[in-house]
Protein backbone atom coordinates (compact mmCIF):
# COMPACT_ATOMS: atom_id res chain seq x y z
CA MET A 1 -0.14 0.21 0.08
CA THR A 2 1.59 3.52 -1.12
CA SER A 3 1.94 6.17 1.12
CA ASN A 4 -0.84 8.13 -0.58
CA GLN A 5 -3.66 5.30 -0.52
CA GLU A 6 -2.45 5.43 3.28
CA PHE A 7 -3.45 8.99 3.22
CA LYS A 8 -6.63 8.62 1.70
CA ARG A 9 -7.71 5.70 3.97
CA LEU A 10 -6.67 7.58 7.33
CA ALA A 11 -8.88 10.70 5.84
CA ARG A 12 -11.11 9.26 5.10
CA ARG A 13 -12.21 7.40 8.81
CA VAL A 14 -11.09 11.41 10.37
CA LYS A 15 -14.02 11.92 8.28
CA LEU A 16 -16.36 9.35 9.38
CA ARG A 17 -15.50 9.58 12.80
CA ARG A 18 -16.31 13.98 12.17
CA TRP A 19 -19.50 12.86 10.76
CA GLY A 20 -20.30 10.60 13.25
CA MET A 21 -19.57 12.37 16.08
CA THR A 22 -21.79 15.60 14.43
CA ILE A 23 -24.63 13.11 14.10
CA LEU A 24 -23.99 12.17 17.53
CA ILE A 25 -24.18 15.60 19.04
CA ALA A 26 -26.78 16.84 17.03
CA GLY A 27 -28.87 13.61 18.47
CA VAL A 28 -28.19 14.52 21.49
CA VAL A 29 -29.05 18.35 21.34
CA CYS A 30 -32.43 17.49 19.29
CA LEU A 31 -33.61 14.72 22.11
CA GLY A 32 -31.90 17.82 25.18
CA LEU A 33 -34.27 20.40 23.17
CA GLY A 34 -37.24 17.98 22.58
CA PHE A 35 -36.64 17.20 26.58
CA LEU A 36 -36.98 20.45 27.01
CA THR A 37 -39.88 21.39 24.60
CA VAL A 38 -42.00 18.59 26.55
CA GLN A 39 -41.20 19.90 30.36
CA THR A 40 -41.95 23.39 28.98
CA LEU A 41 -45.09 22.33 27.28
CA ASN A 42 -46.59 20.08 30.48
CA ALA A 43 -45.89 23.24 32.89
CA LEU A 44 -47.77 25.38 30.08
CA THR A 45 -50.22 22.68 30.44
CA ARG A 46 -50.59 22.63 34.14
CA LYS A 47 -50.09 26.06 34.49
CA ALA A 48 -53.65 26.25 31.93
CA SER A 49 -55.27 23.59 33.99
CA ASP A 50 -54.08 25.09 37.58
CA ARG A 51 -56.25 28.04 35.89
CA ASP A 52 -59.31 26.45 35.41
CA ASN A 53 -59.19 24.48 38.53
CA ALA A 54 -58.80 27.88 40.63
CA PHE A 55 -61.41 29.58 38.16
CA MET A 56 -63.78 26.96 38.79
CA SER A 57 -63.31 26.86 42.64
CA ASP A 58 -63.88 30.74 42.65
CA VAL A 59 -67.59 29.95 40.64
CA ALA A 60 -68.20 27.32 43.53
CA GLU A 61 -67.87 29.71 46.56
CA ILE A 62 -69.02 33.31 44.48
CA MET A 63 -71.13 32.35 41.95
CA ALA A 64 -72.91 28.56 42.47
CA PRO A 65 -76.56 30.03 43.82
CA ASN A 66 -77.77 27.13 46.13
CA ILE A 67 -75.71 24.65 44.07
CA GLN A 68 -72.68 22.80 45.59
CA ILE A 69 -69.99 20.72 44.30
CA SER A 70 -69.35 16.57 44.88
CA ASP A 71 -65.84 16.94 43.72
CA GLN A 72 -63.29 18.26 41.00
CA TYR A 73 -60.94 16.76 38.88
CA LEU A 74 -59.05 16.23 35.60
CA VAL A 75 -60.22 14.39 33.00
CA ASN A 76 -59.86 13.54 29.04
CA ASN A 77 -56.38 14.24 29.62
CA LYS A 78 -54.20 14.10 26.79
CA LEU A 79 -50.10 14.91 26.21
CA PHE A 80 -50.96 18.71 26.34
CA SER A 81 -54.37 19.46 26.87
CA GLY A 82 -57.52 17.74 28.76
CA GLN A 83 -60.31 19.32 30.79
CA VAL A 84 -61.56 20.10 34.61
CA LEU A 85 -64.58 18.29 35.11
CA SER A 86 -66.84 19.51 38.69
CA HIS A 87 -69.81 17.61 39.04
CA ARG A 88 -72.56 19.28 41.49
CA TYR A 89 -76.27 18.94 43.69
CA LYS A 90 -78.28 21.30 45.24
CA ASP A 91 -79.82 20.54 48.41
CA ILE A 92 -83.29 20.81 49.24
CA GLU A 93 -84.06 20.21 53.03
CA GLY A 94 -81.75 17.53 53.39
CA GLN A 95 -83.00 16.14 49.68
CA ARG A 96 -80.00 15.78 47.28
CA VAL A 97 -81.43 17.21 43.40
CA ALA A 98 -78.81 16.40 40.82
CA TRP A 99 -77.29 19.70 39.23
CA SER A 100 -75.70 20.47 35.72
CA PRO A 101 -72.03 19.55 36.28
CA MET A 102 -69.78 22.29 34.88
CA THR A 103 -66.70 21.94 32.77
CA ALA A 104 -64.19 23.72 31.09
CA ASP A 105 -61.21 22.84 28.35
CA TYR A 106 -57.59 24.00 28.84
CA SER A 107 -54.63 23.56 26.42
CA TRP A 108 -50.70 24.63 26.23
CA ALA A 109 -51.32 26.41 23.31
CA GLN A 110 -54.76 28.24 24.44
CA GLY A 111 -54.34 28.14 28.30
CA GLY A 112 -57.06 27.74 30.11
CA HIS A 113 -60.34 28.37 29.20
CA LEU A 114 -63.63 29.56 30.62
CA PRO A 115 -66.16 26.85 31.27
CA THR A 116 -68.49 25.68 28.63
CA ALA A 117 -72.05 27.40 29.25
CA LEU A 118 -71.29 28.38 32.81
CA ASN A 119 -74.23 27.99 34.76
CA ALA A 120 -76.09 27.63 31.34
CA THR A 121 -79.84 28.30 31.21
CA ASP A 122 -83.25 28.09 29.24
CA GLU A 123 -85.40 30.62 29.46
CA GLN A 124 -89.14 30.26 28.70
CA GLY A 125 -90.56 33.62 29.23
CA ALA A 126 -90.02 34.54 32.53
CA ARG A 127 -88.80 31.55 33.77
CA VAL A 128 -85.45 30.27 33.61
CA TYR A 129 -84.27 26.18 33.57
CA ASP A 130 -80.98 24.89 34.18
CA ARG A 131 -79.89 23.97 30.71
CA VAL A 132 -78.71 19.94 31.50
CA THR A 133 -81.27 18.60 34.35
CA GLN A 134 -84.18 21.36 33.27
CA GLN A 135 -84.93 21.68 36.92
CA LYS A 136 -86.44 25.45 37.51
CA VAL A 137 -83.61 28.27 38.69
CA PRO A 138 -84.67 30.83 41.66
CA VAL A 139 -84.03 34.21 39.89
CA PHE A 140 -83.31 37.63 41.62
CA TYR A 141 -84.53 41.00 40.03
CA ASN A 142 -82.79 43.88 40.10
CA VAL A 143 -85.45 46.65 41.64
CA ALA A 144 -83.19 49.42 41.09
CA ARG A 145 -84.15 49.15 37.25
CA LYS A 146 -87.44 50.75 36.86
CA ARG A 147 -90.03 51.38 33.82
CA GLN A 148 -91.73 54.60 34.16
CA ALA A 149 -94.57 53.22 35.70
CA GLY A 150 -92.81 51.95 38.63
CA GLN A 151 -92.20 48.52 37.37
CA LEU A 152 -89.05 46.33 37.15
CA THR A 153 -87.90 46.42 33.37
CA GLY A 154 -86.94 43.16 31.83
CA SER A 155 -89.45 40.04 32.43
CA HIS A 156 -91.53 41.23 35.01
CA PRO A 157 -90.91 39.61 38.20
CA LEU A 158 -92.25 36.52 38.98
CA GLN A 159 -94.57 36.35 42.20
CA GLU A 160 -94.52 32.83 43.12
CA LEU A 161 -94.21 32.28 46.74
CA GLY A 162 -97.93 31.83 46.92
CA GLN A 163 -98.07 28.86 44.60
CA VAL A 164 -95.47 27.09 46.74
CA GLU A 165 -97.47 27.90 49.55
CA ARG A 166 -100.38 26.08 48.45
CA THR A 167 -98.65 22.90 47.71
CA LYS A 168 -99.09 19.87 49.96
CA GLY A 169 -96.28 17.91 50.73
CA GLN A 170 -93.08 19.23 48.98
CA VAL A 171 -90.01 20.52 49.70
CA ALA A 172 -88.94 23.49 47.83
CA GLU A 173 -85.97 26.65 47.22
CA VAL A 174 -87.41 29.83 46.26
CA ALA A 175 -85.61 33.22 46.00
CA LEU A 176 -87.02 36.00 47.54
CA THR A 177 -85.44 39.62 46.22
CA PHE A 178 -85.55 42.08 48.94
CA GLN A 179 -87.78 45.53 48.47
CA HIS A 180 -84.79 46.91 50.75
CA PRO A 181 -81.12 45.15 50.79
CA LEU A 182 -81.34 43.87 54.79
CA THR A 183 -78.69 42.88 57.19
CA TYR A 184 -78.21 38.78 57.61
CA ARG A 185 -79.77 39.77 61.35
CA GLN A 186 -82.68 41.47 59.74
CA ILE A 187 -83.34 38.03 57.56
CA GLN A 188 -83.11 35.67 60.25
CA GLN A 189 -85.63 38.35 61.94
CA ARG A 190 -88.18 38.24 59.15
CA LEU A 191 -87.90 34.38 58.57
CA PRO A 192 -90.30 32.45 60.22
CA GLN A 193 -89.58 29.09 61.98
CA GLY A 194 -88.69 25.96 59.35
CA VAL A 195 -87.62 28.32 56.51
CA HIS A 196 -84.24 28.80 55.80
CA ALA A 197 -81.95 31.11 54.37
CA ALA A 198 -80.18 28.56 52.34
CA TRP A 199 -78.31 31.17 49.76
CA TYR A 200 -77.73 35.16 50.52
CA TRP A 201 -77.63 37.32 47.06
CA LEU A 202 -75.29 40.28 47.28
CA GLY A 203 -77.12 41.75 44.34
CA VAL A 204 -75.42 43.43 41.38
CA SER A 205 -73.95 47.06 40.36
CA GLY A 206 -75.97 50.26 38.93
CA LYS A 207 -78.45 49.11 37.00
CA ALA A 208 -77.35 45.69 35.75
CA ASP A 209 -80.33 43.64 34.35
CA THR A 210 -80.26 40.08 36.13
CA THR A 211 -82.33 38.58 33.69
CA VAL A 212 -80.00 38.25 31.15
CA MET A 213 -77.43 36.45 33.66
CA ALA A 214 -78.97 33.40 33.27
CA ASN A 215 -78.13 31.77 36.68
CA ASN A 216 -74.98 33.56 37.42
CA PHE A 217 -75.77 35.43 40.83
CA VAL A 218 -73.19 36.31 43.07
CA GLY A 219 -73.57 35.51 47.29
CA LEU A 220 -72.40 32.49 49.29
CA GLN A 221 -73.95 29.80 50.99
CA ALA A 222 -75.31 29.55 54.34
CA GLY A 223 -73.04 27.83 56.71
CA ASP A 224 -75.55 25.09 57.70
CA ALA A 225 -78.71 23.69 57.08
CA ARG A 226 -80.40 25.92 59.38
CA GLY A 227 -79.11 28.88 57.15
CA ARG A 228 -77.23 30.51 59.73
CA LEU A 229 -73.62 32.46 58.87
CA THR A 230 -71.18 33.16 61.06
CA GLN A 231 -67.99 35.84 60.82
CA GLN A 232 -65.99 32.84 60.00
CA ASP A 233 -68.07 32.30 57.02
CA TYR A 234 -67.87 35.58 55.86
CA ARG A 235 -64.56 35.75 56.64
CA ALA A 236 -63.62 32.69 54.65
CA PHE A 237 -65.99 34.58 51.67
CA ARG A 238 -64.50 37.56 52.14
CA ASP A 239 -60.89 36.30 51.99
CA VAL A 240 -61.73 33.96 48.05
CA ALA A 241 -63.76 37.21 46.60
CA ARG A 242 -60.70 39.20 47.25
CA THR A 243 -58.23 36.79 45.84
CA ALA A 244 -60.67 35.98 42.99
CA SER A 245 -61.26 40.00 42.02
CA HIS A 246 -57.53 40.06 41.54
CA GLN A 247 -57.14 36.94 39.12
CA ALA A 248 -56.84 37.53 35.88
CA THR A 249 -59.47 35.10 34.69
CA ALA A 250 -62.42 36.07 37.00
CA ALA A 251 -61.37 39.46 36.71
CA GLY A 252 -62.03 39.52 33.34
CA PHE A 253 -65.25 37.74 33.04
CA THR A 254 -68.17 39.87 32.67
CA LEU A 255 -71.93 39.40 32.09
CA ASN A 256 -73.16 41.68 29.33
CA GLY A 257 -71.39 44.69 31.05
CA PHE A 258 -71.15 44.12 34.78
CA ALA A 259 -68.40 41.85 36.10
CA PRO A 260 -69.36 39.49 39.40
CA PHE A 261 -65.96 38.73 40.56
CA LYS A 262 -64.51 42.23 40.77
CA TYR A 263 -68.27 43.58 42.46
CA ALA A 264 -67.67 40.67 44.87
CA GLY A 265 -64.29 42.31 46.04
CA GLN A 266 -65.78 45.94 46.07
CA TYR A 267 -68.57 44.24 48.11
CA VAL A 268 -66.55 43.06 50.68
CA GLN A 269 -64.08 46.12 50.67
CA ARG A 270 -67.38 48.10 51.31
CA TYR A 271 -68.99 45.61 53.95
CA PRO A 272 -65.74 43.78 55.91
CA GLN A 273 -67.67 42.68 58.56
CA LEU A 274 -70.87 39.77 58.22
CA THR A 275 -72.93 42.60 61.14
CA THR A 276 -72.15 45.48 58.44
CA ALA A 277 -73.06 43.39 54.98
CA ARG A 278 -76.27 44.70 53.52
CA PHE A 279 -78.19 41.73 51.34
CA ALA A 280 -79.84 42.06 48.29
CA GLY A 281 -82.17 38.49 48.22
CA VAL A 282 -82.21 35.06 49.69
CA ILE A 283 -83.19 31.46 48.58
CA VAL A 284 -85.01 30.21 51.18
CA THR A 285 -86.01 26.29 51.66
CA GLY A 286 -88.42 24.94 53.20
CA THR A 287 -91.36 22.40 53.25
CA SER A 288 -94.91 23.68 52.07
CA ALA A 289 -95.84 23.76 55.30
CA HIS A 290 -93.40 25.81 56.62
CA LEU A 291 -92.76 27.94 53.39
CA LYS A 292 -97.01 28.97 54.28
CA ARG A 293 -95.78 30.41 57.27
CA LEU A 294 -94.49 33.49 55.02
CA GLY A 295 -97.01 34.20 53.58
CA THR A 296 -97.18 37.74 51.59
CA PRO A 297 -94.23 39.29 52.95
CA SER A 298 -94.60 43.23 52.54
CA TRP A 299 -90.49 43.50 52.49
CA VAL A 300 -90.17 41.24 49.39
CA ALA A 301 -90.42 42.86 45.66
CA ALA A 302 -90.48 39.69 44.06
CA SER A 303 -90.26 35.53 44.32
CA ALA A 304 -89.31 32.90 42.27
CA ALA A 305 -89.47 29.39 42.56
CA GLY A 306 -86.69 26.69 42.19
CA VAL A 307 -86.67 23.31 42.51
CA VAL A 308 -89.87 22.02 43.75
CA THR A 309 -89.80 18.19 44.90
CA PRO A 310 -91.76 15.68 46.55
CA GLN A 311 -90.96 15.07 50.14
CA THR A 312 -89.57 12.23 51.49
CA THR A 313 -88.55 10.92 54.95
CA VAL A 314 -85.75 8.39 53.12
CA LYS A 315 -82.83 10.83 52.25
C-alpha cells in the first residue's frame, strides 16, 4: 500500500469519525431540545389546568346559587390538553337534587378556557331552567331597574311564593328579592321557623340587568342546614372574593357589562364584617307547610321558585 493510499484511508476515517460525532452531537442536542420542549409544554399545560381549577373553585364559592360541588378533577387528559370537571348538586331540606356539571377545557396553546356554558340556562318567558337537568332556577331581580310606570325592567318579576305555599307534601327553594337590602340579622328575624336561608345574594351594581345573567348570581352559601352564617363563614368568603377579584381569568369575566367577581371584591371591601353586610335577596328552603308561614311579606319585591320536589322521609 502506497503512502498516498494510506493517507486517503486515514482521511476517510477522520471524515467518518467527524460525521459520526456531528450526528451524535446533533442527536443529543435534538433529544435535549425535545425534552426541554416537552417539559415547557407540560408546564404550560399544568399552568392552564391550574388556572381553570382556580376559576372553577371561585365560581363554586361566589357564583353558585344554592349549588354545591361533589368533586372537581381532571378528565380526558391528553399530552398537552384536557378538561376540568366538577359534579354539582342542590340540597333542598336534606334532599339532594342533581344539577348540571361544570367543565372547562385547557391546553398549552390556548391556556385555560372559561367553563363551557357556565351555569347555562334555557328561558321560557320569565321562567329560567337549568340547561342540563331542566330543573327550574330561582332568579333574582335588580329593583334599581324600573320602568316609568314603576315596574322592574326586563321580564316581569315573578311572584311565585303563593303558588309554592299552596303545594302539599313538597320541599322547595324560592329566591326572594328584597324591596331594600337587609342585614343578616334582619333576614333571620323575618323568616318564620322552618324556613331556612340557604344562600345570600349580594345584588348587582348600578342598573345591571339580572334577567340576562342566566344563573350567574353572586353570593354565599349558608354555613349550615338552618341557614345560619358566622363571622368565620363570612371571613372565608371575603378572602375568596378578594383573591378572585384580582385573578386575571375571574376579574375579566363579565355578564352583559357586569363583572361579578370584581363586584364581589368591591362588596367585601365595603362590608368587611358580616354584621354590616347588606344582602339584596336570599334563596330560602322549606317544606310546603313551613313556607306557607311566610304569607305575602311586604319586604319582598319578587319571588321566583326553583326546585320543587316531593318530600321524602328517606334521604
